[in-house]
Amino acid sequence: MVVEDDPDIAAFERTILERANFAVQIAPNGAQALELAAQWIPEVVLLDVGLPDISGLDVLTSLSNSSDAYILMVSAAAGEDDILRGLGLGADDYITKPFSPTQLVARVEAFLRRRDRQVQRESQGRLTIGNATLVRDLHVLQNGERSVALTALEFRLLWYLGEAEGRLLTRAQILEHVWNDVSGVPTRVVDVHVAALRKKLAETGASLAIASVRGIGYRLDRP
């Protein structure tokens, strides 16, 4: 799904992606994007930051909490703070205008390769870690009668940490696995999402802790 209010840019992106054999739908504003996402269930969303009705970041927040699609933010803003803000709200990647057709197709293909790997890994749909269980269909972490909802990105991150329980994962490994680091995502974005996960682990009372090793990465432990 292409969310873009400039008809020329939307047509450009559509042409690129259809030539690469992707089915494409276009939403010219935020409201139509949210409606189309619920009906069409896209696998990847190209989301422009500057939309005429709703802020692209607000659309991003809604999609990251309601959709399992990979979200590629598209913007002319290239500062690190802008990138971190988008990624911190749930974007999977960030591309700045202007970009080449090859670059765009490579990003989308990378998302779908990652999804294929995840489907194979997560075919059972549940992962039990200590006294808590991740439920893929619901995107929640459960501990007895207590549960907390996770964003799609938080879920992927915690699942990855859970599969590697007790093993230290570097930030580079996490970025490659969870974010499919195809664009040089700043490593600080991992810290932002780990902080959010720690709060949600505390909410469920799960006997789990995400330990940090300064300058290296993170490890999921049972304290």
N, C-alpha and C. Protein backbone atom coordinates (compact mmCIF):
# COMPACT_ATOMS: atom_id res chain seq x y z
N MET A 1 0.84 -1.19 0.00
CA MET A 1 0.00 0.00 0.00
C MET A 1 0.88 1.24 0.00
N VAL A 2 0.62 2.14 -0.94
CA VAL A 2 1.35 3.40 -1.04
C VAL A 2 0.47 4.51 -0.48
N VAL A 3 0.95 5.19 0.55
CA VAL A 3 0.21 6.31 1.15
C VAL A 3 0.95 7.58 0.77
N GLU A 4 0.41 8.29 -0.21
CA GLU A 4 1.11 9.45 -0.80
C GLU A 4 0.08 10.39 -1.40
N ASP A 5 0.13 11.70 -1.01
CA ASP A 5 -0.86 12.65 -1.53
C ASP A 5 -0.45 13.27 -2.85
N ASP A 6 0.82 13.20 -3.22
CA ASP A 6 1.26 13.73 -4.51
C ASP A 6 1.00 12.67 -5.58
N PRO A 7 0.08 12.93 -6.51
CA PRO A 7 -0.29 11.90 -7.49
C PRO A 7 0.87 11.48 -8.39
N ASP A 8 1.80 12.38 -8.69
CA ASP A 8 2.93 12.03 -9.53
C ASP A 8 3.88 11.07 -8.81
N ILE A 9 4.14 11.36 -7.54
CA ILE A 9 5.03 10.48 -6.76
C ILE A 9 4.35 9.13 -6.55
N ALA A 10 3.05 9.15 -6.25
CA ALA A 10 2.31 7.89 -6.04
C ALA A 10 2.36 7.03 -7.30
N ALA A 11 2.17 7.67 -8.46
CA ALA A 11 2.21 6.92 -9.72
C ALA A 11 3.61 6.38 -9.99
N PHE A 12 4.63 7.16 -9.64
CA PHE A 12 6.02 6.73 -9.80
C PHE A 12 6.29 5.48 -8.97
N GLU A 13 5.88 5.52 -7.69
CA GLU A 13 6.10 4.38 -6.80
C GLU A 13 5.30 3.16 -7.26
N ARG A 14 4.08 3.41 -7.69
CA ARG A 14 3.25 2.30 -8.16
C ARG A 14 3.88 1.61 -9.37
N THR A 15 4.37 2.41 -10.31
CA THR A 15 4.99 1.85 -11.52
C THR A 15 6.21 1.00 -11.16
N ILE A 16 7.04 1.53 -10.27
CA ILE A 16 8.25 0.80 -9.85
C ILE A 16 7.87 -0.56 -9.27
N LEU A 17 6.91 -0.54 -8.36
CA LEU A 17 6.56 -1.77 -7.63
C LEU A 17 5.80 -2.76 -8.51
N GLU A 18 4.94 -2.27 -9.38
CA GLU A 18 4.22 -3.19 -10.26
C GLU A 18 5.17 -3.83 -11.27
N ARG A 19 6.19 -3.10 -11.70
CA ARG A 19 7.19 -3.70 -12.59
C ARG A 19 7.97 -4.81 -11.88
N ALA A 20 8.03 -4.73 -10.55
CA ALA A 20 8.70 -5.77 -9.76
C ALA A 20 7.71 -6.87 -9.33
N ASN A 21 6.51 -6.84 -9.93
CA ASN A 21 5.48 -7.88 -9.72
C ASN A 21 4.80 -7.82 -8.36
N PHE A 22 4.68 -6.61 -7.78
CA PHE A 22 3.92 -6.44 -6.56
C PHE A 22 2.54 -5.88 -6.89
N ALA A 23 1.53 -6.33 -6.18
CA ALA A 23 0.21 -5.72 -6.28
C ALA A 23 0.21 -4.45 -5.43
N VAL A 24 -0.33 -3.37 -5.98
CA VAL A 24 -0.23 -2.07 -5.32
C VAL A 24 -1.60 -1.40 -5.23
N GLN A 25 -1.89 -0.83 -4.07
CA GLN A 25 -3.05 0.04 -3.87
C GLN A 25 -2.55 1.38 -3.35
N ILE A 26 -3.23 2.47 -3.73
CA ILE A 26 -2.80 3.81 -3.33
C ILE A 26 -3.86 4.46 -2.45
N ALA A 27 -3.40 5.09 -1.37
CA ALA A 27 -4.27 5.90 -0.51
C ALA A 27 -3.71 7.32 -0.52
N PRO A 28 -4.52 8.32 -0.93
CA PRO A 28 -4.00 9.68 -1.05
C PRO A 28 -3.96 10.48 0.25
N ASN A 29 -4.48 9.93 1.33
CA ASN A 29 -4.44 10.63 2.62
C ASN A 29 -4.49 9.62 3.76
N GLY A 30 -4.35 10.14 4.98
CA GLY A 30 -4.27 9.26 6.14
C GLY A 30 -5.55 8.51 6.43
N ALA A 31 -6.69 9.19 6.32
CA ALA A 31 -7.96 8.54 6.62
C ALA A 31 -8.22 7.37 5.69
N GLN A 32 -7.98 7.57 4.39
CA GLN A 32 -8.19 6.49 3.43
C GLN A 32 -7.17 5.37 3.63
N ALA A 33 -5.97 5.73 4.09
CA ALA A 33 -4.94 4.71 4.35
C ALA A 33 -5.39 3.76 5.45
N LEU A 34 -5.95 4.30 6.54
CA LEU A 34 -6.39 3.45 7.64
C LEU A 34 -7.56 2.57 7.22
N GLU A 35 -8.46 3.13 6.42
CA GLU A 35 -9.60 2.34 5.92
C GLU A 35 -9.14 1.24 4.97
N LEU A 36 -8.23 1.57 4.07
CA LEU A 36 -7.74 0.59 3.10
C LEU A 36 -6.93 -0.51 3.78
N ALA A 37 -6.14 -0.14 4.78
CA ALA A 37 -5.32 -1.13 5.49
C ALA A 37 -6.20 -2.18 6.16
N ALA A 38 -7.35 -1.75 6.69
CA ALA A 38 -8.25 -2.69 7.36
C ALA A 38 -8.94 -3.62 6.36
N GLN A 39 -9.18 -3.11 5.15
CA GLN A 39 -9.89 -3.90 4.14
C GLN A 39 -8.96 -4.79 3.33
N TRP A 40 -7.82 -4.23 2.94
CA TRP A 40 -6.94 -4.91 1.98
C TRP A 40 -5.85 -5.73 2.67
N ILE A 41 -5.51 -5.39 3.90
CA ILE A 41 -4.47 -6.07 4.70
C ILE A 41 -3.15 -6.15 3.91
N PRO A 42 -2.47 -5.05 3.75
CA PRO A 42 -1.20 -5.05 2.99
C PRO A 42 -0.08 -5.72 3.76
N GLU A 43 0.89 -6.19 3.03
CA GLU A 43 2.09 -6.77 3.66
C GLU A 43 3.14 -5.70 3.93
N VAL A 44 3.19 -4.68 3.08
CA VAL A 44 4.14 -3.58 3.25
C VAL A 44 3.40 -2.26 2.98
N VAL A 45 3.69 -1.24 3.79
CA VAL A 45 3.11 0.08 3.61
C VAL A 45 4.22 1.10 3.39
N LEU A 46 4.14 1.84 2.29
CA LEU A 46 5.03 2.98 2.04
C LEU A 46 4.27 4.21 2.51
N LEU A 47 4.72 4.81 3.58
CA LEU A 47 3.96 5.86 4.24
C LEU A 47 4.69 7.19 4.20
N ASP A 48 4.11 8.14 3.48
CA ASP A 48 4.69 9.49 3.42
C ASP A 48 4.42 10.21 4.74
N VAL A 49 5.40 10.96 5.23
CA VAL A 49 5.24 11.66 6.51
C VAL A 49 4.28 12.83 6.37
N GLY A 50 4.40 13.59 5.27
CA GLY A 50 3.58 14.78 5.09
C GLY A 50 2.29 14.49 4.36
N LEU A 51 1.20 14.31 5.11
CA LEU A 51 -0.11 14.03 4.52
C LEU A 51 -1.05 15.22 4.76
N PRO A 52 -2.05 15.41 3.90
CA PRO A 52 -2.88 16.61 3.99
C PRO A 52 -3.90 16.63 5.12
N ASP A 53 -4.27 15.46 5.65
CA ASP A 53 -5.33 15.44 6.66
C ASP A 53 -4.83 15.04 8.04
N ILE A 54 -4.17 13.90 8.11
CA ILE A 54 -3.66 13.37 9.38
C ILE A 54 -2.13 13.32 9.29
N SER A 55 -1.45 13.60 10.37
CA SER A 55 0.01 13.49 10.38
C SER A 55 0.42 12.07 10.03
N GLY A 56 1.45 11.96 9.18
CA GLY A 56 1.94 10.63 8.83
C GLY A 56 2.39 9.86 10.06
N LEU A 57 2.89 10.57 11.08
CA LEU A 57 3.32 9.89 12.31
C LEU A 57 2.12 9.35 13.09
N ASP A 58 0.99 10.06 13.02
CA ASP A 58 -0.23 9.54 13.67
C ASP A 58 -0.75 8.31 12.94
N VAL A 59 -0.67 8.34 11.61
CA VAL A 59 -1.07 7.17 10.83
C VAL A 59 -0.15 6.00 11.17
N LEU A 60 1.15 6.29 11.29
CA LEU A 60 2.13 5.27 11.65
C LEU A 60 1.77 4.62 12.98
N THR A 61 1.45 5.43 13.98
CA THR A 61 1.09 4.90 15.29
C THR A 61 -0.11 3.97 15.20
N SER A 62 -1.13 4.39 14.46
CA SER A 62 -2.33 3.55 14.31
C SER A 62 -2.02 2.24 13.60
N LEU A 63 -1.24 2.32 12.52
CA LEU A 63 -0.93 1.11 11.75
C LEU A 63 -0.05 0.15 12.55
N SER A 64 0.91 0.69 13.28
CA SER A 64 1.83 -0.19 14.01
C SER A 64 1.12 -0.94 15.12
N ASN A 65 -0.01 -0.39 15.61
CA ASN A 65 -0.76 -1.05 16.67
C ASN A 65 -1.89 -1.93 16.15
N SER A 66 -2.29 -1.74 14.89
CA SER A 66 -3.44 -2.48 14.37
C SER A 66 -3.11 -3.39 13.20
N SER A 67 -1.92 -3.23 12.63
CA SER A 67 -1.57 -3.99 11.43
C SER A 67 -0.26 -4.72 11.62
N ASP A 68 -0.13 -5.85 10.95
CA ASP A 68 1.12 -6.61 10.99
C ASP A 68 2.02 -6.27 9.80
N ALA A 69 1.63 -5.24 9.04
CA ALA A 69 2.40 -4.87 7.85
C ALA A 69 3.73 -4.24 8.24
N TYR A 70 4.73 -4.44 7.38
CA TYR A 70 5.97 -3.69 7.52
C TYR A 70 5.73 -2.27 7.03
N ILE A 71 6.26 -1.30 7.75
CA ILE A 71 6.00 0.09 7.41
C ILE A 71 7.30 0.79 7.04
N LEU A 72 7.35 1.30 5.83
CA LEU A 72 8.51 2.02 5.31
C LEU A 72 8.14 3.49 5.24
N MET A 73 8.72 4.31 6.12
CA MET A 73 8.46 5.74 6.11
C MET A 73 9.18 6.39 4.94
N VAL A 74 8.48 7.28 4.25
CA VAL A 74 9.05 7.99 3.11
C VAL A 74 8.97 9.48 3.40
N SER A 75 10.13 10.17 3.38
CA SER A 75 10.13 11.58 3.73
C SER A 75 11.34 12.28 3.16
N ALA A 76 11.23 13.61 3.07
CA ALA A 76 12.38 14.42 2.66
C ALA A 76 13.27 14.74 3.84
N ALA A 77 12.78 14.51 5.06
CA ALA A 77 13.57 14.78 6.26
C ALA A 77 14.56 13.66 6.49
N ALA A 78 15.84 14.02 6.62
CA ALA A 78 16.87 12.98 6.72
C ALA A 78 17.67 13.04 8.01
N GLY A 79 17.27 13.91 8.96
CA GLY A 79 18.01 14.02 10.21
C GLY A 79 17.84 12.79 11.08
N GLU A 80 18.85 12.50 11.91
CA GLU A 80 18.80 11.32 12.77
C GLU A 80 17.61 11.37 13.72
N ASP A 81 17.29 12.56 14.25
CA ASP A 81 16.17 12.67 15.17
C ASP A 81 14.85 12.32 14.48
N ASP A 82 14.72 12.76 13.22
CA ASP A 82 13.50 12.42 12.46
C ASP A 82 13.40 10.92 12.25
N ILE A 83 14.52 10.30 11.91
CA ILE A 83 14.54 8.86 11.69
C ILE A 83 14.20 8.11 12.97
N LEU A 84 14.83 8.51 14.08
CA LEU A 84 14.59 7.85 15.35
C LEU A 84 13.14 8.01 15.80
N ARG A 85 12.57 9.18 15.54
CA ARG A 85 11.18 9.40 15.93
C ARG A 85 10.26 8.43 15.18
N GLY A 86 10.46 8.33 13.87
CA GLY A 86 9.64 7.41 13.09
C GLY A 86 9.83 5.97 13.52
N LEU A 87 11.08 5.56 13.69
CA LEU A 87 11.35 4.18 14.09
C LEU A 87 10.84 3.91 15.50
N GLY A 88 10.95 4.92 16.36
CA GLY A 88 10.47 4.76 17.73
C GLY A 88 8.97 4.58 17.81
N LEU A 89 8.25 5.09 16.82
CA LEU A 89 6.79 4.96 16.79
C LEU A 89 6.33 3.67 16.11
N GLY A 90 7.27 2.89 15.58
CA GLY A 90 6.90 1.59 15.02
C GLY A 90 7.24 1.37 13.57
N ALA A 91 7.86 2.35 12.91
CA ALA A 91 8.27 2.13 11.51
C ALA A 91 9.36 1.06 11.48
N ASP A 92 9.36 0.28 10.41
CA ASP A 92 10.37 -0.77 10.26
C ASP A 92 11.60 -0.26 9.54
N ASP A 93 11.44 0.77 8.75
CA ASP A 93 12.57 1.31 8.00
C ASP A 93 12.20 2.72 7.55
N TYR A 94 13.17 3.41 6.96
CA TYR A 94 13.02 4.82 6.63
C TYR A 94 13.78 5.08 5.34
N ILE A 95 13.13 5.72 4.37
CA ILE A 95 13.80 6.05 3.12
C ILE A 95 13.53 7.53 2.83
N THR A 96 14.54 8.23 2.35
CA THR A 96 14.40 9.65 2.11
C THR A 96 14.35 9.95 0.61
N LYS A 97 13.57 10.95 0.27
CA LYS A 97 13.46 11.40 -1.12
C LYS A 97 14.67 12.27 -1.45
N PRO A 98 15.19 12.18 -2.67
CA PRO A 98 14.79 11.25 -3.74
C PRO A 98 15.46 9.89 -3.53
N PHE A 99 14.85 8.85 -4.05
CA PHE A 99 15.42 7.51 -3.97
C PHE A 99 15.32 6.86 -5.34
N SER A 100 16.13 5.84 -5.56
CA SER A 100 16.14 5.16 -6.85
C SER A 100 15.13 4.02 -6.86
N PRO A 101 14.63 3.64 -8.03
CA PRO A 101 13.73 2.49 -8.11
C PRO A 101 14.35 1.22 -7.52
N THR A 102 15.63 1.01 -7.78
CA THR A 102 16.31 -0.18 -7.25
C THR A 102 16.31 -0.19 -5.74
N GLN A 103 16.55 0.97 -5.15
CA GLN A 103 16.58 1.07 -3.69
C GLN A 103 15.22 0.75 -3.09
N LEU A 104 14.17 1.28 -3.68
CA LEU A 104 12.82 1.03 -3.16
C LEU A 104 12.45 -0.45 -3.24
N VAL A 105 12.68 -1.06 -4.39
CA VAL A 105 12.35 -2.47 -4.55
C VAL A 105 13.17 -3.34 -3.59
N ALA A 106 14.43 -2.99 -3.39
CA ALA A 106 15.28 -3.76 -2.48
C ALA A 106 14.73 -3.72 -1.05
N ARG A 107 14.23 -2.57 -0.63
CA ARG A 107 13.67 -2.46 0.72
C ARG A 107 12.44 -3.36 0.87
N VAL A 108 11.54 -3.30 -0.10
CA VAL A 108 10.32 -4.09 -0.03
C VAL A 108 10.64 -5.59 -0.07
N GLU A 109 11.54 -5.99 -0.95
CA GLU A 109 11.90 -7.40 -1.04
C GLU A 109 12.55 -7.89 0.25
N ALA A 110 13.35 -7.03 0.88
CA ALA A 110 13.99 -7.41 2.14
C ALA A 110 12.94 -7.67 3.22
N PHE A 111 11.89 -6.82 3.28
CA PHE A 111 10.81 -7.04 4.24
C PHE A 111 10.17 -8.41 4.04
N LEU A 112 9.87 -8.73 2.79
CA LEU A 112 9.14 -9.97 2.51
C LEU A 112 10.01 -11.20 2.73
N ARG A 113 11.31 -11.10 2.48
CA ARG A 113 12.20 -12.22 2.81
C ARG A 113 12.19 -12.46 4.31
N ARG A 114 12.20 -11.36 5.08
CA ARG A 114 12.18 -11.51 6.53
C ARG A 114 10.87 -12.13 6.99
N ARG A 115 9.77 -11.72 6.36
CA ARG A 115 8.48 -12.30 6.75
C ARG A 115 8.45 -13.80 6.47
N ASP A 116 9.00 -14.24 5.35
CA ASP A 116 9.03 -15.67 5.03
C ASP A 116 9.79 -16.44 6.10
N ARG A 117 10.92 -15.87 6.55
CA ARG A 117 11.71 -16.54 7.60
C ARG A 117 10.91 -16.59 8.90
N GLN A 118 10.20 -15.50 9.23
CA GLN A 118 9.43 -15.47 10.46
C GLN A 118 8.28 -16.47 10.45
N VAL A 119 7.63 -16.61 9.32
CA VAL A 119 6.52 -17.56 9.21
C VAL A 119 7.01 -18.97 9.50
N GLN A 120 8.19 -19.31 8.97
CA GLN A 120 8.75 -20.64 9.22
C GLN A 120 9.08 -20.82 10.70
N ARG A 121 9.68 -19.79 11.32
CA ARG A 121 10.08 -19.88 12.71
C ARG A 121 8.88 -19.91 13.65
N GLU A 122 7.84 -19.14 13.29
CA GLU A 122 6.76 -18.90 14.23
C GLU A 122 5.48 -19.67 13.87
N SER A 123 5.65 -20.79 13.16
CA SER A 123 4.48 -21.52 12.66
C SER A 123 3.57 -21.97 13.80
N GLN A 124 4.12 -22.25 14.97
CA GLN A 124 3.29 -22.67 16.09
C GLN A 124 2.57 -21.49 16.72
N GLY A 125 3.07 -20.29 16.54
CA GLY A 125 2.36 -19.10 16.99
C GLY A 125 2.53 -18.75 18.45
N ARG A 126 3.26 -19.55 19.23
CA ARG A 126 3.46 -19.27 20.65
C ARG A 126 4.91 -19.54 21.04
N LEU A 127 5.39 -18.73 21.96
CA LEU A 127 6.72 -18.94 22.50
C LEU A 127 6.66 -18.70 23.99
N THR A 128 6.94 -19.75 24.78
CA THR A 128 6.91 -19.64 26.24
C THR A 128 8.31 -19.35 26.75
N ILE A 129 8.41 -18.29 27.55
CA ILE A 129 9.69 -17.89 28.13
C ILE A 129 9.46 -17.72 29.62
N GLY A 130 10.07 -18.59 30.42
CA GLY A 130 9.84 -18.50 31.86
C GLY A 130 8.37 -18.72 32.16
N ASN A 131 7.77 -17.78 32.90
CA ASN A 131 6.35 -17.92 33.25
C ASN A 131 5.44 -17.10 32.33
N ALA A 132 5.97 -16.67 31.20
CA ALA A 132 5.20 -15.84 30.27
C ALA A 132 5.16 -16.48 28.88
N THR A 133 4.13 -16.14 28.12
CA THR A 133 3.97 -16.69 26.78
C THR A 133 3.66 -15.57 25.79
N LEU A 134 4.38 -15.58 24.68
CA LEU A 134 4.10 -14.68 23.57
C LEU A 134 3.10 -15.37 22.65
N VAL A 135 2.01 -14.68 22.31
CA VAL A 135 0.97 -15.23 21.44
C VAL A 135 0.96 -14.41 20.17
N ARG A 136 1.38 -15.04 19.08
CA ARG A 136 1.58 -14.30 17.84
C ARG A 136 0.28 -13.75 17.27
N ASP A 137 -0.77 -14.54 17.22
CA ASP A 137 -2.02 -14.10 16.61
C ASP A 137 -2.60 -12.87 17.31
N LEU A 138 -2.36 -12.76 18.61
CA LEU A 138 -2.91 -11.65 19.39
C LEU A 138 -1.89 -10.54 19.62
N HIS A 139 -0.62 -10.82 19.35
CA HIS A 139 0.46 -9.87 19.62
C HIS A 139 0.44 -9.42 21.08
N VAL A 140 0.35 -10.40 21.97
CA VAL A 140 0.34 -10.09 23.39
C VAL A 140 1.36 -10.96 24.12
N LEU A 141 1.75 -10.48 25.31
CA LEU A 141 2.57 -11.25 26.24
C LEU A 141 1.67 -11.59 27.41
N GLN A 142 1.51 -12.89 27.70
CA GLN A 142 0.61 -13.35 28.75
C GLN A 142 1.38 -13.95 29.91
N ASN A 143 0.89 -13.68 31.12
CA ASN A 143 1.41 -14.30 32.32
C ASN A 143 0.21 -14.59 33.21
N GLY A 144 -0.29 -15.83 33.13
CA GLY A 144 -1.50 -16.16 33.86
C GLY A 144 -2.67 -15.37 33.29
N GLU A 145 -3.37 -14.65 34.18
CA GLU A 145 -4.52 -13.85 33.76
C GLU A 145 -4.10 -12.44 33.33
N ARG A 146 -2.84 -12.13 33.47
CA ARG A 146 -2.37 -10.79 33.10
C ARG A 146 -1.76 -10.83 31.70
N SER A 147 -2.06 -9.83 30.91
CA SER A 147 -1.49 -9.77 29.56
C SER A 147 -1.28 -8.31 29.17
N VAL A 148 -0.39 -8.10 28.23
CA VAL A 148 -0.12 -6.75 27.73
C VAL A 148 0.04 -6.82 26.23
N ALA A 149 -0.54 -5.85 25.53
CA ALA A 149 -0.46 -5.81 24.07
C ALA A 149 0.90 -5.26 23.64
N LEU A 150 1.44 -5.83 22.58
CA LEU A 150 2.72 -5.39 22.02
C LEU A 150 2.50 -4.88 20.60
N THR A 151 3.27 -3.88 20.20
CA THR A 151 3.25 -3.48 18.80
C THR A 151 3.89 -4.59 17.98
N ALA A 152 3.70 -4.56 16.67
CA ALA A 152 4.29 -5.59 15.82
C ALA A 152 5.81 -5.62 15.98
N LEU A 153 6.42 -4.45 16.08
CA LEU A 153 7.88 -4.40 16.18
C LEU A 153 8.34 -4.90 17.55
N GLU A 154 7.64 -4.49 18.63
CA GLU A 154 7.98 -4.98 19.97
C GLU A 154 7.86 -6.49 20.04
N PHE A 155 6.82 -7.02 19.40
CA PHE A 155 6.62 -8.47 19.41
C PHE A 155 7.78 -9.19 18.75
N ARG A 156 8.20 -8.70 17.58
CA ARG A 156 9.31 -9.34 16.87
C ARG A 156 10.60 -9.27 17.70
N LEU A 157 10.81 -8.14 18.35
CA LEU A 157 12.02 -7.97 19.16
C LEU A 157 12.02 -8.92 20.35
N LEU A 158 10.90 -9.00 21.07
CA LEU A 158 10.85 -9.87 22.24
C LEU A 158 10.93 -11.34 21.84
N TRP A 159 10.30 -11.68 20.70
CA TRP A 159 10.38 -13.07 20.22
C TRP A 159 11.84 -13.44 19.93
N TYR A 160 12.55 -12.54 19.29
CA TYR A 160 13.96 -12.80 18.95
C TYR A 160 14.79 -12.96 20.21
N LEU A 161 14.59 -12.07 21.18
CA LEU A 161 15.31 -12.18 22.45
C LEU A 161 14.94 -13.47 23.16
N GLY A 162 13.65 -13.84 23.08
CA GLY A 162 13.20 -15.05 23.75
C GLY A 162 13.77 -16.31 23.15
N GLU A 163 13.86 -16.36 21.83
CA GLU A 163 14.45 -17.53 21.17
C GLU A 163 15.92 -17.70 21.56
N ALA A 164 16.57 -16.57 21.84
CA ALA A 164 18.00 -16.60 22.19
C ALA A 164 18.20 -16.43 23.69
N GLU A 165 17.20 -16.80 24.49
CA GLU A 165 17.25 -16.59 25.94
C GLU A 165 18.59 -17.02 26.54
N GLY A 166 19.16 -16.12 27.33
CA GLY A 166 20.44 -16.40 27.98
C GLY A 166 21.65 -16.11 27.12
N ARG A 167 21.43 -15.77 25.85
CA ARG A 167 22.56 -15.48 24.95
C ARG A 167 22.60 -13.99 24.64
N LEU A 168 23.80 -13.43 24.72
CA LEU A 168 23.97 -12.01 24.42
C LEU A 168 23.85 -11.77 22.92
N LEU A 169 22.99 -10.82 22.57
CA LEU A 169 22.81 -10.43 21.18
C LEU A 169 23.34 -9.01 21.01
N THR A 170 24.18 -8.82 20.03
CA THR A 170 24.70 -7.47 19.78
C THR A 170 23.61 -6.61 19.16
N ARG A 171 23.79 -5.30 19.25
CA ARG A 171 22.83 -4.40 18.60
C ARG A 171 22.79 -4.65 17.10
N ALA A 172 23.95 -4.95 16.52
CA ALA A 172 24.01 -5.22 15.09
C ALA A 172 23.18 -6.46 14.73
N GLN A 173 23.26 -7.50 15.56
CA GLN A 173 22.46 -8.71 15.31
C GLN A 173 20.97 -8.41 15.42
N ILE A 174 20.61 -7.62 16.42
CA ILE A 174 19.21 -7.28 16.62
C ILE A 174 18.68 -6.46 15.45
N LEU A 175 19.47 -5.49 15.00
CA LEU A 175 19.05 -4.66 13.87
C LEU A 175 18.88 -5.51 12.60
N GLU A 176 19.80 -6.43 12.39
CA GLU A 176 19.73 -7.27 11.20
C GLU A 176 18.51 -8.17 11.24
N HIS A 177 18.22 -8.71 12.42
CA HIS A 177 17.15 -9.70 12.53
C HIS A 177 15.77 -9.06 12.64
N VAL A 178 15.64 -8.03 13.45
CA VAL A 178 14.34 -7.43 13.73
C VAL A 178 14.01 -6.30 12.75
N TRP A 179 15.00 -5.48 12.45
CA TRP A 179 14.78 -4.35 11.55
C TRP A 179 15.25 -4.64 10.13
N ASN A 180 15.91 -5.78 9.94
CA ASN A 180 16.50 -6.10 8.63
C ASN A 180 17.32 -4.91 8.14
N ASP A 181 18.38 -4.59 8.85
CA ASP A 181 19.13 -3.34 8.72
C ASP A 181 19.64 -3.12 7.29
N VAL A 182 18.76 -2.60 6.45
CA VAL A 182 19.14 -2.34 5.06
C VAL A 182 19.42 -0.87 4.82
N SER A 183 19.31 -0.04 5.85
CA SER A 183 19.47 1.39 5.62
C SER A 183 20.33 2.08 6.66
N GLY A 184 21.11 1.31 7.42
CA GLY A 184 21.94 1.93 8.43
C GLY A 184 21.12 2.54 9.55
N VAL A 185 20.15 1.79 10.07
CA VAL A 185 19.31 2.28 11.16
C VAL A 185 20.19 2.60 12.37
N PRO A 186 20.02 3.77 13.00
CA PRO A 186 20.83 4.11 14.18
C PRO A 186 20.64 3.08 15.29
N THR A 187 21.73 2.69 15.94
CA THR A 187 21.65 1.65 16.97
C THR A 187 20.83 2.09 18.17
N ARG A 188 20.69 3.39 18.39
CA ARG A 188 19.92 3.86 19.54
C ARG A 188 18.46 3.46 19.47
N VAL A 189 17.97 3.16 18.28
CA VAL A 189 16.57 2.77 18.17
C VAL A 189 16.32 1.45 18.90
N VAL A 190 17.33 0.59 19.00
CA VAL A 190 17.19 -0.66 19.76
C VAL A 190 16.97 -0.32 21.23
N ASP A 191 17.72 0.64 21.75
CA ASP A 191 17.59 1.03 23.15
C ASP A 191 16.18 1.54 23.46
N VAL A 192 15.61 2.30 22.52
CA VAL A 192 14.26 2.85 22.70
C VAL A 192 13.24 1.73 22.86
N HIS A 193 13.33 0.73 22.00
CA HIS A 193 12.36 -0.36 22.05
C HIS A 193 12.59 -1.31 23.23
N VAL A 194 13.83 -1.50 23.62
CA VAL A 194 14.11 -2.32 24.80
C VAL A 194 13.52 -1.66 26.04
N ALA A 195 13.64 -0.34 26.15
CA ALA A 195 13.07 0.38 27.29
C ALA A 195 11.56 0.19 27.35
N ALA A 196 10.90 0.23 26.19
CA ALA A 196 9.45 0.03 26.15
C ALA A 196 9.08 -1.40 26.56
N LEU A 197 9.88 -2.37 26.10
CA LEU A 197 9.60 -3.77 26.47
C LEU A 197 9.80 -4.02 27.96
N ARG A 198 10.79 -3.39 28.55
CA ARG A 198 11.01 -3.58 30.00
C ARG A 198 9.79 -3.14 30.80
N LYS A 199 9.17 -2.04 30.39
CA LYS A 199 7.97 -1.56 31.08
C LYS A 199 6.82 -2.56 30.93
N LYS A 200 6.70 -3.15 29.75
CA LYS A 200 5.60 -4.08 29.52
C LYS A 200 5.84 -5.42 30.23
N LEU A 201 7.10 -5.84 30.34
CA LEU A 201 7.39 -7.03 31.13
C LEU A 201 7.00 -6.81 32.59
N ALA A 202 7.27 -5.61 33.09
CA ALA A 202 6.92 -5.30 34.47
C ALA A 202 5.40 -5.29 34.67
N GLU A 203 4.67 -4.84 33.66
CA GLU A 203 3.20 -4.79 33.76
C GLU A 203 2.61 -6.18 33.93
N THR A 204 3.19 -7.17 33.30
CA THR A 204 2.65 -8.54 33.38
C THR A 204 3.20 -9.30 34.59
N GLY A 205 4.21 -8.77 35.24
CA GLY A 205 4.84 -9.48 36.36
C GLY A 205 5.64 -10.69 35.90
N ALA A 206 6.03 -10.70 34.62
CA ALA A 206 6.81 -11.83 34.08
C ALA A 206 8.17 -11.91 34.76
N SER A 207 8.59 -13.13 35.05
CA SER A 207 9.89 -13.34 35.70
C SER A 207 10.99 -13.32 34.64
N LEU A 208 11.08 -12.20 33.94
CA LEU A 208 12.05 -12.03 32.87
C LEU A 208 12.68 -10.65 33.00
N ALA A 209 13.91 -10.54 32.55
CA ALA A 209 14.59 -9.25 32.56
C ALA A 209 15.47 -9.14 31.32
N ILE A 210 15.47 -7.98 30.70
CA ILE A 210 16.35 -7.74 29.57
C ILE A 210 17.59 -7.04 30.10
N ALA A 211 18.68 -7.82 30.17
CA ALA A 211 19.93 -7.28 30.69
C ALA A 211 20.70 -6.58 29.58
N SER A 212 21.34 -5.49 29.94
CA SER A 212 22.15 -4.76 28.96
C SER A 212 23.62 -4.94 29.25
N VAL A 213 24.40 -5.08 28.21
CA VAL A 213 25.85 -5.15 28.32
C VAL A 213 26.39 -3.92 27.60
N ARG A 214 26.93 -3.01 28.35
CA ARG A 214 27.27 -1.70 27.83
C ARG A 214 28.15 -1.78 26.59
N GLY A 215 27.72 -1.09 25.56
CA GLY A 215 28.49 -1.02 24.33
C GLY A 215 28.37 -2.23 23.43
N ILE A 216 27.61 -3.26 23.89
CA ILE A 216 27.52 -4.48 23.08
C ILE A 216 26.08 -4.78 22.67
N GLY A 217 25.21 -5.02 23.66
CA GLY A 217 23.85 -5.37 23.29
C GLY A 217 23.02 -5.82 24.47
N TYR A 218 22.13 -6.81 24.24
CA TYR A 218 21.16 -7.22 25.25
C TYR A 218 21.03 -8.73 25.33
N ARG A 219 20.50 -9.17 26.49
CA ARG A 219 20.30 -10.59 26.75
C ARG A 219 19.03 -10.74 27.58
N LEU A 220 18.18 -11.70 27.23
CA LEU A 220 16.98 -11.96 28.01
C LEU A 220 17.29 -13.00 29.06
N ASP A 221 17.08 -12.66 30.34
CA ASP A 221 17.40 -13.54 31.46
C ASP A 221 16.15 -13.80 32.30
N ARG A 222 16.25 -14.87 33.09
CA ARG A 222 15.25 -15.14 34.13
C ARG A 222 15.91 -14.84 35.47
N PRO A 223 15.65 -13.68 36.08
CA PRO A 223 16.35 -13.32 37.32
C PRO A 223 15.95 -14.23 38.47
